[in-house]
N, C-alpha and C. Protein backbone atom coordinates (compact mmCIF):
# COMPACT_ATOMS: atom_id res chain seq x y z
N MET A 1 -3.90 15.05 -5.98
CA MET A 1 -3.43 16.35 -6.45
C MET A 1 -4.55 17.12 -7.16
N ILE A 2 -5.46 16.39 -7.79
CA ILE A 2 -6.58 17.05 -8.46
C ILE A 2 -7.39 17.87 -7.47
N GLY A 3 -7.46 17.39 -6.21
CA GLY A 3 -8.21 18.12 -5.20
C GLY A 3 -7.48 19.37 -4.72
N SER A 4 -6.21 19.21 -4.36
CA SER A 4 -5.46 20.32 -3.78
C SER A 4 -4.99 21.32 -4.82
N GLN A 5 -4.66 20.87 -6.03
CA GLN A 5 -4.07 21.74 -7.03
C GLN A 5 -5.07 22.25 -8.07
N TRP A 6 -6.23 21.64 -8.15
CA TRP A 6 -7.19 22.07 -9.17
C TRP A 6 -8.55 22.40 -8.57
N LEU A 7 -9.17 21.43 -7.92
CA LEU A 7 -10.54 21.63 -7.43
C LEU A 7 -10.61 22.70 -6.34
N SER A 8 -9.68 22.65 -5.39
CA SER A 8 -9.76 23.58 -4.26
C SER A 8 -9.68 25.04 -4.69
N LYS A 9 -9.00 25.31 -5.80
CA LYS A 9 -8.85 26.68 -6.27
C LYS A 9 -10.09 27.20 -6.99
N ARG A 10 -11.06 26.32 -7.20
CA ARG A 10 -12.25 26.70 -7.96
C ARG A 10 -13.54 26.62 -7.15
N LEU A 11 -13.47 26.20 -5.91
CA LEU A 11 -14.68 25.97 -5.12
C LEU A 11 -15.46 27.25 -4.87
N PHE A 12 -14.77 28.38 -4.71
CA PHE A 12 -15.50 29.62 -4.43
C PHE A 12 -16.46 29.97 -5.56
N SER A 13 -16.06 29.67 -6.80
CA SER A 13 -16.95 29.95 -7.93
C SER A 13 -18.19 29.08 -7.88
N PHE A 14 -18.05 27.86 -7.35
CA PHE A 14 -19.23 27.00 -7.20
C PHE A 14 -20.17 27.57 -6.16
N TRP A 15 -19.64 27.99 -5.03
CA TRP A 15 -20.49 28.54 -3.97
C TRP A 15 -21.14 29.85 -4.41
N GLN A 16 -20.46 30.63 -5.22
CA GLN A 16 -21.07 31.85 -5.75
C GLN A 16 -22.25 31.54 -6.65
N ARG A 17 -22.11 30.49 -7.42
CA ARG A 17 -23.14 30.14 -8.39
C ARG A 17 -24.29 29.37 -7.75
N PHE A 18 -23.96 28.53 -6.77
CA PHE A 18 -24.98 27.70 -6.12
C PHE A 18 -24.86 27.85 -4.60
N PRO A 19 -25.19 29.02 -4.06
CA PRO A 19 -24.98 29.24 -2.61
C PRO A 19 -25.84 28.35 -1.73
N GLU A 20 -26.92 27.82 -2.28
CA GLU A 20 -27.80 26.98 -1.47
C GLU A 20 -27.37 25.51 -1.45
N THR A 21 -26.34 25.17 -2.21
CA THR A 21 -25.92 23.78 -2.32
C THR A 21 -24.71 23.53 -1.43
N GLY A 22 -24.83 22.55 -0.54
CA GLY A 22 -23.72 22.19 0.34
C GLY A 22 -22.87 21.09 -0.28
N LEU A 23 -21.59 21.13 0.05
CA LEU A 23 -20.65 20.11 -0.43
C LEU A 23 -19.92 19.51 0.76
N HIS A 24 -19.71 18.21 0.71
CA HIS A 24 -18.86 17.53 1.68
C HIS A 24 -17.78 16.80 0.88
N LEU A 25 -16.58 17.38 0.85
CA LEU A 25 -15.49 16.81 0.08
C LEU A 25 -14.69 15.86 0.96
N GLN A 26 -14.38 14.72 0.41
CA GLN A 26 -13.68 13.70 1.17
C GLN A 26 -12.60 13.08 0.29
N TYR A 27 -11.41 12.90 0.85
CA TYR A 27 -10.32 12.30 0.10
C TYR A 27 -10.19 10.83 0.49
N SER A 28 -10.03 9.99 -0.49
CA SER A 28 -9.93 8.56 -0.23
C SER A 28 -8.80 7.96 -1.05
N LEU A 29 -7.99 7.12 -0.39
CA LEU A 29 -6.94 6.38 -1.10
C LEU A 29 -7.46 5.08 -1.68
N GLY A 30 -8.69 4.73 -1.31
CA GLY A 30 -9.26 3.50 -1.81
C GLY A 30 -9.72 3.63 -3.25
N GLY A 31 -10.32 2.57 -3.75
CA GLY A 31 -10.81 2.58 -5.11
C GLY A 31 -12.13 3.30 -5.23
N VAL A 32 -12.73 3.21 -6.40
CA VAL A 32 -14.02 3.84 -6.64
C VAL A 32 -15.09 3.01 -5.93
N GLU A 33 -15.72 3.58 -4.92
CA GLU A 33 -16.63 2.83 -4.08
C GLU A 33 -17.76 3.74 -3.60
N PHE A 34 -19.01 3.28 -3.78
CA PHE A 34 -20.16 4.08 -3.39
C PHE A 34 -21.04 3.35 -2.38
N SER A 35 -20.58 2.26 -1.82
CA SER A 35 -21.43 1.46 -0.95
C SER A 35 -21.56 2.04 0.46
N ASP A 36 -20.79 3.10 0.79
CA ASP A 36 -20.86 3.63 2.15
C ASP A 36 -22.11 4.46 2.39
N GLY A 37 -22.86 4.77 1.32
CA GLY A 37 -24.08 5.54 1.48
C GLY A 37 -23.85 7.02 1.68
N GLN A 38 -22.60 7.46 1.72
CA GLN A 38 -22.28 8.87 1.94
C GLN A 38 -21.62 9.52 0.73
N THR A 39 -21.24 8.71 -0.25
CA THR A 39 -20.55 9.23 -1.43
C THR A 39 -21.51 9.30 -2.60
N ASP A 40 -21.58 10.47 -3.24
CA ASP A 40 -22.46 10.66 -4.39
C ASP A 40 -21.70 10.74 -5.70
N LEU A 41 -20.53 11.37 -5.67
CA LEU A 41 -19.72 11.57 -6.87
C LEU A 41 -18.26 11.36 -6.51
N MET A 42 -17.48 10.96 -7.49
CA MET A 42 -16.04 10.82 -7.28
C MET A 42 -15.29 11.35 -8.49
N LEU A 43 -14.09 11.88 -8.25
CA LEU A 43 -13.14 12.18 -9.30
C LEU A 43 -12.09 11.08 -9.25
N ALA A 44 -11.91 10.38 -10.34
CA ALA A 44 -11.02 9.22 -10.33
C ALA A 44 -10.14 9.21 -11.56
N TRP A 45 -8.93 8.72 -11.38
CA TRP A 45 -7.94 8.57 -12.45
C TRP A 45 -8.06 7.16 -13.02
N GLY A 46 -8.26 7.05 -14.32
CA GLY A 46 -8.36 5.71 -14.90
C GLY A 46 -8.69 5.77 -16.38
N ASP A 47 -9.12 4.63 -16.89
CA ASP A 47 -9.40 4.52 -18.33
C ASP A 47 -10.86 4.76 -18.68
N GLY A 48 -11.67 5.13 -17.68
CA GLY A 48 -13.07 5.42 -17.94
C GLY A 48 -13.99 4.24 -17.79
N ARG A 49 -13.43 3.08 -17.47
CA ARG A 49 -14.26 1.87 -17.37
C ARG A 49 -14.39 1.46 -15.90
N TRP A 50 -15.55 1.77 -15.33
CA TRP A 50 -15.89 1.34 -13.99
C TRP A 50 -17.24 0.63 -14.09
N PRO A 51 -17.25 -0.69 -14.08
CA PRO A 51 -18.49 -1.45 -14.29
C PRO A 51 -19.60 -1.03 -13.34
N GLY A 52 -20.78 -0.82 -13.90
CA GLY A 52 -21.95 -0.48 -13.11
C GLY A 52 -22.06 0.98 -12.75
N LEU A 53 -21.09 1.81 -13.19
CA LEU A 53 -21.10 3.22 -12.85
C LEU A 53 -21.08 4.09 -14.11
N MET A 54 -21.56 5.31 -13.98
CA MET A 54 -21.48 6.27 -15.06
C MET A 54 -20.13 6.98 -14.98
N SER A 55 -19.53 7.22 -16.13
CA SER A 55 -18.21 7.84 -16.17
C SER A 55 -18.19 8.89 -17.27
N GLU A 56 -17.75 10.10 -16.91
CA GLU A 56 -17.61 11.18 -17.88
C GLU A 56 -16.18 11.71 -17.85
N SER A 57 -15.56 11.79 -19.02
CA SER A 57 -14.20 12.31 -19.09
C SER A 57 -14.16 13.75 -18.60
N LEU A 58 -13.21 14.04 -17.75
CA LEU A 58 -13.15 15.36 -17.13
C LEU A 58 -11.89 16.12 -17.56
N LEU A 59 -10.72 15.58 -17.25
CA LEU A 59 -9.47 16.27 -17.53
C LEU A 59 -8.42 15.28 -18.01
N GLN A 60 -7.82 15.58 -19.13
CA GLN A 60 -6.70 14.79 -19.64
C GLN A 60 -5.50 15.72 -19.72
N PHE A 61 -4.47 15.41 -18.95
CA PHE A 61 -3.32 16.27 -18.82
C PHE A 61 -2.11 15.74 -19.56
N GLU A 62 -1.32 16.65 -20.10
CA GLU A 62 -0.02 16.26 -20.62
C GLU A 62 0.92 15.98 -19.45
N THR A 63 1.80 15.01 -19.64
CA THR A 63 2.75 14.64 -18.60
C THR A 63 4.17 14.73 -19.13
N SER A 64 5.09 14.70 -18.20
CA SER A 64 6.51 14.69 -18.52
C SER A 64 7.26 14.22 -17.29
N PRO A 65 8.39 13.55 -17.44
CA PRO A 65 9.20 13.24 -16.26
C PRO A 65 9.61 14.53 -15.55
N ILE A 66 9.55 14.48 -14.22
CA ILE A 66 9.95 15.64 -13.42
C ILE A 66 10.84 15.17 -12.29
N LEU A 67 11.75 16.04 -11.87
CA LEU A 67 12.64 15.71 -10.75
C LEU A 67 13.18 16.99 -10.14
N SER A 68 13.72 16.85 -8.95
CA SER A 68 14.37 17.97 -8.29
C SER A 68 15.82 18.05 -8.75
N PRO A 69 16.34 19.26 -8.93
CA PRO A 69 17.75 19.38 -9.31
C PRO A 69 18.69 18.71 -8.32
N THR A 70 18.26 18.60 -7.05
CA THR A 70 19.12 17.97 -6.04
C THR A 70 19.31 16.49 -6.29
N LEU A 71 18.39 15.87 -7.01
CA LEU A 71 18.52 14.44 -7.29
C LEU A 71 19.71 14.16 -8.20
N LEU A 72 20.00 15.08 -9.09
CA LEU A 72 21.03 14.83 -10.09
C LEU A 72 22.44 14.98 -9.53
N GLY A 73 22.60 15.85 -8.53
CA GLY A 73 23.93 16.05 -7.99
C GLY A 73 24.90 16.49 -9.08
N ASP A 74 25.98 15.75 -9.22
CA ASP A 74 26.99 16.07 -10.23
C ASP A 74 26.81 15.25 -11.51
N GLN A 75 25.72 14.49 -11.60
CA GLN A 75 25.54 13.59 -12.74
C GLN A 75 25.18 14.33 -14.03
N GLY A 76 24.51 15.47 -13.92
CA GLY A 76 24.00 16.13 -15.11
C GLY A 76 22.67 15.55 -15.52
N ARG A 77 21.99 16.24 -16.40
CA ARG A 77 20.66 15.81 -16.82
C ARG A 77 20.72 14.52 -17.63
N PRO A 78 19.69 13.68 -17.50
CA PRO A 78 19.58 12.52 -18.41
C PRO A 78 19.50 13.00 -19.85
N GLU A 79 20.19 12.30 -20.74
CA GLU A 79 20.22 12.72 -22.14
C GLU A 79 19.20 12.00 -23.00
N GLN A 80 18.74 10.84 -22.57
CA GLN A 80 17.75 10.08 -23.33
C GLN A 80 16.84 9.35 -22.35
N PRO A 81 15.64 8.96 -22.80
CA PRO A 81 14.67 8.36 -21.88
C PRO A 81 15.21 7.16 -21.10
N SER A 82 16.02 6.32 -21.72
CA SER A 82 16.52 5.13 -21.02
C SER A 82 17.41 5.49 -19.83
N ASP A 83 17.97 6.72 -19.84
CA ASP A 83 18.81 7.14 -18.72
C ASP A 83 18.03 7.22 -17.41
N LEU A 84 16.71 7.41 -17.51
CA LEU A 84 15.90 7.50 -16.29
C LEU A 84 15.88 6.19 -15.52
N LEU A 85 16.18 5.10 -16.17
CA LEU A 85 16.19 3.81 -15.49
C LEU A 85 17.35 3.71 -14.49
N THR A 86 18.30 4.65 -14.57
CA THR A 86 19.39 4.67 -13.60
C THR A 86 19.04 5.50 -12.38
N LEU A 87 17.87 6.15 -12.39
CA LEU A 87 17.43 6.97 -11.27
C LEU A 87 16.29 6.27 -10.53
N PRO A 88 16.06 6.61 -9.26
CA PRO A 88 14.93 6.03 -8.53
C PRO A 88 13.61 6.48 -9.17
N LEU A 89 12.80 5.54 -9.56
CA LEU A 89 11.50 5.86 -10.15
C LEU A 89 10.43 5.88 -9.07
N LEU A 90 9.58 6.90 -9.13
CA LEU A 90 8.44 7.00 -8.22
C LEU A 90 7.17 6.85 -9.05
N HIS A 91 6.30 5.94 -8.62
CA HIS A 91 5.08 5.61 -9.36
C HIS A 91 3.86 6.09 -8.59
N TRP A 92 2.88 6.60 -9.33
CA TRP A 92 1.62 7.01 -8.71
C TRP A 92 0.58 5.90 -8.92
N LYS A 93 0.17 5.28 -7.82
CA LYS A 93 -0.85 4.23 -7.77
C LYS A 93 -0.36 2.88 -8.30
N ASP A 94 0.30 2.87 -9.45
CA ASP A 94 0.81 1.63 -10.02
C ASP A 94 1.88 2.01 -11.05
N GLN A 95 2.39 1.01 -11.75
CA GLN A 95 3.47 1.26 -12.71
C GLN A 95 2.96 1.58 -14.12
N PHE A 96 1.66 1.58 -14.32
CA PHE A 96 1.10 1.65 -15.67
C PHE A 96 1.57 2.88 -16.44
N ASP A 97 1.51 4.06 -15.83
CA ASP A 97 1.83 5.30 -16.55
C ASP A 97 3.30 5.33 -16.98
N TRP A 98 4.20 4.92 -16.09
CA TRP A 98 5.61 4.86 -16.47
C TRP A 98 5.84 3.83 -17.57
N LEU A 99 5.23 2.67 -17.46
CA LEU A 99 5.39 1.64 -18.49
C LEU A 99 4.89 2.16 -19.84
N GLU A 100 3.78 2.87 -19.83
CA GLU A 100 3.24 3.44 -21.06
C GLU A 100 4.19 4.49 -21.63
N TRP A 101 4.77 5.32 -20.75
CA TRP A 101 5.69 6.36 -21.22
C TRP A 101 6.95 5.74 -21.83
N PHE A 102 7.54 4.79 -21.14
CA PHE A 102 8.75 4.15 -21.67
C PHE A 102 8.47 3.45 -23.00
N ALA A 103 7.32 2.79 -23.10
CA ALA A 103 6.96 2.11 -24.35
C ALA A 103 6.84 3.12 -25.48
N ALA A 104 6.24 4.28 -25.20
CA ALA A 104 6.09 5.31 -26.22
C ALA A 104 7.44 5.86 -26.67
N LYS A 105 8.44 5.79 -25.79
CA LYS A 105 9.77 6.28 -26.12
C LYS A 105 10.67 5.17 -26.68
N GLY A 106 10.11 3.98 -26.84
CA GLY A 106 10.89 2.89 -27.42
C GLY A 106 11.87 2.25 -26.48
N VAL A 107 11.65 2.39 -25.17
CA VAL A 107 12.55 1.82 -24.17
C VAL A 107 11.98 0.49 -23.70
N GLU A 108 12.75 -0.56 -23.81
CA GLU A 108 12.31 -1.89 -23.39
C GLU A 108 12.42 -2.03 -21.87
N THR A 109 11.32 -2.43 -21.24
CA THR A 109 11.31 -2.57 -19.78
C THR A 109 10.99 -3.98 -19.33
N GLY A 110 10.53 -4.82 -20.25
CA GLY A 110 10.11 -6.15 -19.84
C GLY A 110 8.82 -6.18 -19.08
N GLY A 111 8.10 -5.06 -19.08
CA GLY A 111 6.80 -5.01 -18.42
C GLY A 111 6.85 -4.78 -16.92
N ARG A 112 8.05 -4.57 -16.38
CA ARG A 112 8.18 -4.31 -14.94
C ARG A 112 9.26 -3.26 -14.74
N LEU A 113 9.09 -2.48 -13.67
CA LEU A 113 10.03 -1.41 -13.37
C LEU A 113 10.38 -1.42 -11.89
N PRO A 114 11.57 -0.94 -11.55
CA PRO A 114 11.88 -0.76 -10.13
C PRO A 114 11.20 0.50 -9.61
N GLY A 115 11.35 0.74 -8.33
CA GLY A 115 10.84 1.98 -7.77
C GLY A 115 9.78 1.78 -6.72
N VAL A 116 9.30 2.90 -6.21
CA VAL A 116 8.32 2.92 -5.12
C VAL A 116 6.98 3.38 -5.66
N VAL A 117 5.92 2.67 -5.30
CA VAL A 117 4.55 3.05 -5.67
C VAL A 117 3.94 3.84 -4.52
N ILE A 118 3.43 5.03 -4.81
CA ILE A 118 2.82 5.90 -3.80
C ILE A 118 1.39 6.20 -4.22
N ASP A 119 0.43 5.92 -3.36
CA ASP A 119 -0.97 6.14 -3.69
C ASP A 119 -1.39 7.61 -3.61
N ASP A 120 -0.80 8.35 -2.69
CA ASP A 120 -1.19 9.73 -2.43
C ASP A 120 -0.36 10.65 -3.33
N SER A 121 -1.03 11.38 -4.23
CA SER A 121 -0.30 12.22 -5.18
C SER A 121 0.42 13.37 -4.48
N SER A 122 -0.11 13.86 -3.36
CA SER A 122 0.56 14.93 -2.63
C SER A 122 1.85 14.43 -1.99
N VAL A 123 1.81 13.22 -1.46
CA VAL A 123 3.02 12.60 -0.90
C VAL A 123 4.04 12.37 -2.01
N LEU A 124 3.55 11.93 -3.17
CA LEU A 124 4.44 11.73 -4.31
C LEU A 124 5.14 13.02 -4.69
N LEU A 125 4.40 14.12 -4.77
CA LEU A 125 5.00 15.39 -5.14
C LEU A 125 6.04 15.83 -4.12
N ARG A 126 5.74 15.65 -2.84
CA ARG A 126 6.72 16.03 -1.81
C ARG A 126 7.98 15.18 -1.92
N ALA A 127 7.82 13.91 -2.27
CA ALA A 127 8.98 13.04 -2.42
C ALA A 127 9.86 13.51 -3.58
N VAL A 128 9.21 13.90 -4.68
CA VAL A 128 9.98 14.40 -5.83
C VAL A 128 10.68 15.70 -5.47
N LEU A 129 9.98 16.61 -4.81
CA LEU A 129 10.56 17.90 -4.44
C LEU A 129 11.76 17.74 -3.52
N SER A 130 11.74 16.71 -2.69
CA SER A 130 12.85 16.50 -1.75
C SER A 130 13.98 15.67 -2.35
N GLY A 131 13.87 15.37 -3.66
CA GLY A 131 14.97 14.69 -4.33
C GLY A 131 15.00 13.19 -4.15
N GLN A 132 13.84 12.60 -3.83
CA GLN A 132 13.80 11.16 -3.59
C GLN A 132 13.72 10.33 -4.87
N GLY A 133 13.34 10.95 -5.99
CA GLY A 133 13.23 10.19 -7.22
C GLY A 133 12.61 11.03 -8.32
N VAL A 134 12.36 10.38 -9.45
CA VAL A 134 11.77 11.03 -10.62
C VAL A 134 10.39 10.43 -10.85
N SER A 135 9.43 11.27 -11.16
CA SER A 135 8.07 10.79 -11.43
C SER A 135 7.55 11.43 -12.70
N LEU A 136 6.40 10.96 -13.13
CA LEU A 136 5.69 11.62 -14.22
C LEU A 136 4.78 12.67 -13.61
N GLY A 137 4.91 13.90 -14.05
CA GLY A 137 4.11 14.98 -13.49
C GLY A 137 2.99 15.38 -14.42
N LEU A 138 1.83 15.67 -13.84
CA LEU A 138 0.72 16.23 -14.60
C LEU A 138 1.00 17.73 -14.74
N LEU A 139 1.46 18.14 -15.91
CA LEU A 139 2.10 19.44 -16.08
C LEU A 139 1.25 20.65 -15.66
N PRO A 140 -0.04 20.72 -16.01
CA PRO A 140 -0.79 21.92 -15.60
C PRO A 140 -0.91 22.07 -14.08
N LEU A 141 -0.69 20.99 -13.33
CA LEU A 141 -0.85 21.05 -11.88
C LEU A 141 0.43 21.41 -11.15
N ILE A 142 1.55 21.47 -11.85
CA ILE A 142 2.84 21.73 -11.19
C ILE A 142 3.58 22.89 -11.83
N GLN A 143 2.85 23.80 -12.47
CA GLN A 143 3.50 24.91 -13.15
C GLN A 143 4.29 25.80 -12.20
N SER A 144 3.79 26.04 -10.99
CA SER A 144 4.50 26.92 -10.06
C SER A 144 5.83 26.30 -9.65
N GLU A 145 5.86 24.99 -9.42
CA GLU A 145 7.10 24.32 -9.03
C GLU A 145 8.12 24.32 -10.18
N LEU A 146 7.62 24.21 -11.41
CA LEU A 146 8.52 24.25 -12.56
C LEU A 146 9.06 25.65 -12.79
N GLN A 147 8.19 26.64 -12.66
CA GLN A 147 8.62 28.01 -12.91
C GLN A 147 9.59 28.50 -11.85
N SER A 148 9.46 28.02 -10.62
CA SER A 148 10.36 28.42 -9.54
C SER A 148 11.69 27.68 -9.59
N GLY A 149 11.77 26.63 -10.40
CA GLY A 149 13.00 25.85 -10.46
C GLY A 149 13.08 24.75 -9.42
N GLN A 150 12.04 24.59 -8.59
CA GLN A 150 12.04 23.49 -7.63
C GLN A 150 12.03 22.14 -8.33
N LEU A 151 11.39 22.11 -9.48
CA LEU A 151 11.35 20.91 -10.31
C LEU A 151 11.86 21.26 -11.70
N ILE A 152 12.45 20.27 -12.34
CA ILE A 152 12.88 20.45 -13.73
C ILE A 152 12.36 19.29 -14.56
N ARG A 153 12.25 19.56 -15.86
CA ARG A 153 11.89 18.53 -16.83
C ARG A 153 13.14 18.20 -17.64
N PRO A 154 13.64 16.98 -17.55
CA PRO A 154 14.85 16.65 -18.30
C PRO A 154 14.64 16.62 -19.80
N PHE A 155 13.39 16.44 -20.24
CA PHE A 155 13.08 16.40 -21.67
C PHE A 155 11.96 17.39 -21.96
N THR A 156 12.03 18.04 -23.11
CA THR A 156 11.02 19.04 -23.45
C THR A 156 9.74 18.42 -23.99
N GLU A 157 9.83 17.22 -24.55
CA GLU A 157 8.64 16.60 -25.14
C GLU A 157 7.64 16.23 -24.05
N THR A 158 6.35 16.42 -24.36
CA THR A 158 5.30 16.01 -23.44
C THR A 158 4.65 14.73 -23.96
N PHE A 159 3.90 14.10 -23.07
CA PHE A 159 3.23 12.85 -23.41
C PHE A 159 1.82 12.88 -22.82
N THR A 160 0.84 12.48 -23.61
CA THR A 160 -0.53 12.41 -23.12
C THR A 160 -0.89 10.96 -22.82
N PRO A 161 -1.01 10.60 -21.54
CA PRO A 161 -1.30 9.20 -21.20
C PRO A 161 -2.70 8.79 -21.61
N SER A 162 -2.91 7.50 -21.70
CA SER A 162 -4.24 7.00 -22.08
C SER A 162 -5.23 7.18 -20.95
N ARG A 163 -4.77 7.22 -19.71
CA ARG A 163 -5.65 7.42 -18.57
C ARG A 163 -5.82 8.91 -18.28
N SER A 164 -6.92 9.24 -17.64
CA SER A 164 -7.22 10.64 -17.34
C SER A 164 -8.17 10.69 -16.15
N TYR A 165 -8.54 11.90 -15.75
CA TYR A 165 -9.50 12.07 -14.66
C TYR A 165 -10.92 11.99 -15.21
N HIS A 166 -11.77 11.31 -14.46
CA HIS A 166 -13.17 11.16 -14.82
C HIS A 166 -14.06 11.53 -13.64
N LEU A 167 -15.26 11.97 -13.96
CA LEU A 167 -16.31 12.16 -12.97
C LEU A 167 -17.13 10.87 -12.95
N ILE A 168 -17.22 10.26 -11.76
CA ILE A 168 -17.86 8.95 -11.62
C ILE A 168 -19.06 9.07 -10.69
N TYR A 169 -20.15 8.41 -11.06
CA TYR A 169 -21.32 8.41 -10.18
C TYR A 169 -22.22 7.23 -10.52
N PRO A 170 -23.05 6.79 -9.58
CA PRO A 170 -23.95 5.66 -9.82
C PRO A 170 -25.08 6.06 -10.77
N PRO A 171 -25.66 5.10 -11.49
CA PRO A 171 -26.82 5.40 -12.33
C PRO A 171 -27.95 5.99 -11.46
N GLY A 172 -28.61 6.98 -11.98
CA GLY A 172 -29.71 7.60 -11.24
C GLY A 172 -29.29 8.75 -10.35
N ALA A 173 -27.98 8.96 -10.17
CA ALA A 173 -27.53 10.02 -9.27
C ALA A 173 -27.98 11.40 -9.74
N MET A 174 -28.04 11.59 -11.07
CA MET A 174 -28.38 12.91 -11.59
C MET A 174 -29.85 13.27 -11.44
N GLN A 175 -30.62 12.41 -10.82
CA GLN A 175 -31.99 12.77 -10.48
C GLN A 175 -32.03 13.79 -9.34
N GLN A 176 -30.92 13.91 -8.63
CA GLN A 176 -30.84 14.87 -7.52
C GLN A 176 -30.36 16.23 -8.05
N PRO A 177 -31.13 17.29 -7.82
CA PRO A 177 -30.78 18.62 -8.36
C PRO A 177 -29.40 19.10 -7.93
N GLN A 178 -29.01 18.84 -6.68
CA GLN A 178 -27.71 19.31 -6.21
C GLN A 178 -26.57 18.63 -6.97
N LEU A 179 -26.72 17.35 -7.26
CA LEU A 179 -25.68 16.64 -7.98
C LEU A 179 -25.63 17.10 -9.43
N ARG A 180 -26.80 17.37 -10.02
CA ARG A 180 -26.82 17.90 -11.39
C ARG A 180 -26.10 19.25 -11.45
N ALA A 181 -26.32 20.07 -10.42
CA ALA A 181 -25.67 21.39 -10.38
C ALA A 181 -24.15 21.24 -10.31
N PHE A 182 -23.69 20.33 -9.47
CA PHE A 182 -22.24 20.14 -9.34
C PHE A 182 -21.66 19.58 -10.63
N ARG A 183 -22.35 18.63 -11.23
CA ARG A 183 -21.86 18.05 -12.49
C ARG A 183 -21.75 19.13 -13.56
N GLU A 184 -22.78 19.96 -13.69
CA GLU A 184 -22.77 21.02 -14.69
C GLU A 184 -21.59 21.97 -14.46
N TRP A 185 -21.40 22.34 -13.19
CA TRP A 185 -20.33 23.28 -12.87
C TRP A 185 -18.95 22.69 -13.13
N ILE A 186 -18.70 21.47 -12.68
CA ILE A 186 -17.35 20.91 -12.80
C ILE A 186 -17.00 20.59 -14.25
N LEU A 187 -17.98 20.22 -15.06
CA LEU A 187 -17.70 19.99 -16.48
C LEU A 187 -17.34 21.31 -17.17
N GLU A 188 -18.02 22.41 -16.77
CA GLU A 188 -17.67 23.72 -17.33
C GLU A 188 -16.26 24.13 -16.92
N GLU A 189 -15.93 23.90 -15.65
CA GLU A 189 -14.59 24.24 -15.17
C GLU A 189 -13.52 23.42 -15.90
N ALA A 190 -13.81 22.16 -16.13
CA ALA A 190 -12.86 21.31 -16.85
C ALA A 190 -12.68 21.80 -18.27
N GLY A 191 -13.79 22.21 -18.90
CA GLY A 191 -13.70 22.74 -20.26
C GLY A 191 -12.88 24.01 -20.32
N SER A 192 -13.02 24.87 -19.30
CA SER A 192 -12.22 26.09 -19.26
C SER A 192 -10.75 25.79 -19.07
N THR A 193 -10.46 24.76 -18.26
CA THR A 193 -9.07 24.37 -18.04
C THR A 193 -8.44 23.88 -19.33
N ARG A 194 -9.18 23.09 -20.09
CA ARG A 194 -8.62 22.53 -21.33
C ARG A 194 -8.35 23.62 -22.35
N SER A 195 -9.07 24.75 -22.26
CA SER A 195 -8.91 25.81 -23.27
C SER A 195 -7.78 26.77 -22.94
N LEU A 196 -7.18 26.65 -21.73
CA LEU A 196 -6.11 27.56 -21.34
C LEU A 196 -4.77 27.08 -21.86
N PRO A 197 -3.90 28.00 -22.25
CA PRO A 197 -2.53 27.59 -22.62
C PRO A 197 -1.80 27.09 -21.39
N MET A 198 -0.97 26.06 -21.58
CA MET A 198 -0.31 25.44 -20.45
C MET A 198 0.91 26.22 -20.00
N GLY A 199 1.58 26.88 -20.89
CA GLY A 199 2.82 27.57 -20.53
C GLY A 199 3.99 26.62 -20.71
N ASP A 200 5.19 27.14 -20.55
CA ASP A 200 6.39 26.36 -20.77
C ASP A 200 6.73 25.54 -19.54
């Protein structure tokens, strides 16, 4: 989702600033991997610890449970966090973020949760929009869906997870001028994003 909902909307500003620099953007469901000889930089979700690689914090988003109104039917909105355990849970990549959210809300889970794990964030969003379950949404990336009423937040409180997006690259990568230019630009864009009000 970081690619389709955030990066893609900002690429023209990069080309305006660095018209001589070419980019080859590639989406991968795999882990952080640079052994293919074709990858120079990656945007990755995690705790910032990738052994042998350089990692710079890029974007940390507030999250909240999100769901489609069609999922609720005649049940009505969940009234407390534990009520979400009665709904199908959708997980992005693993269960960690949901487990962290439930723990922060004082809900005992035993360290495991039901539900479906989906690696592709775009597929996850489509599943939520079609009423397949409830997920944790990265709020700045889904404002249009919330404002249109396609998605709702059952609780007003937000939560900032311990994991976030990072810019990842091998040691020595910044010796290349094109990569330095991209790093400079994307860090500035991330800083501008953090300074904007999120909206309701």
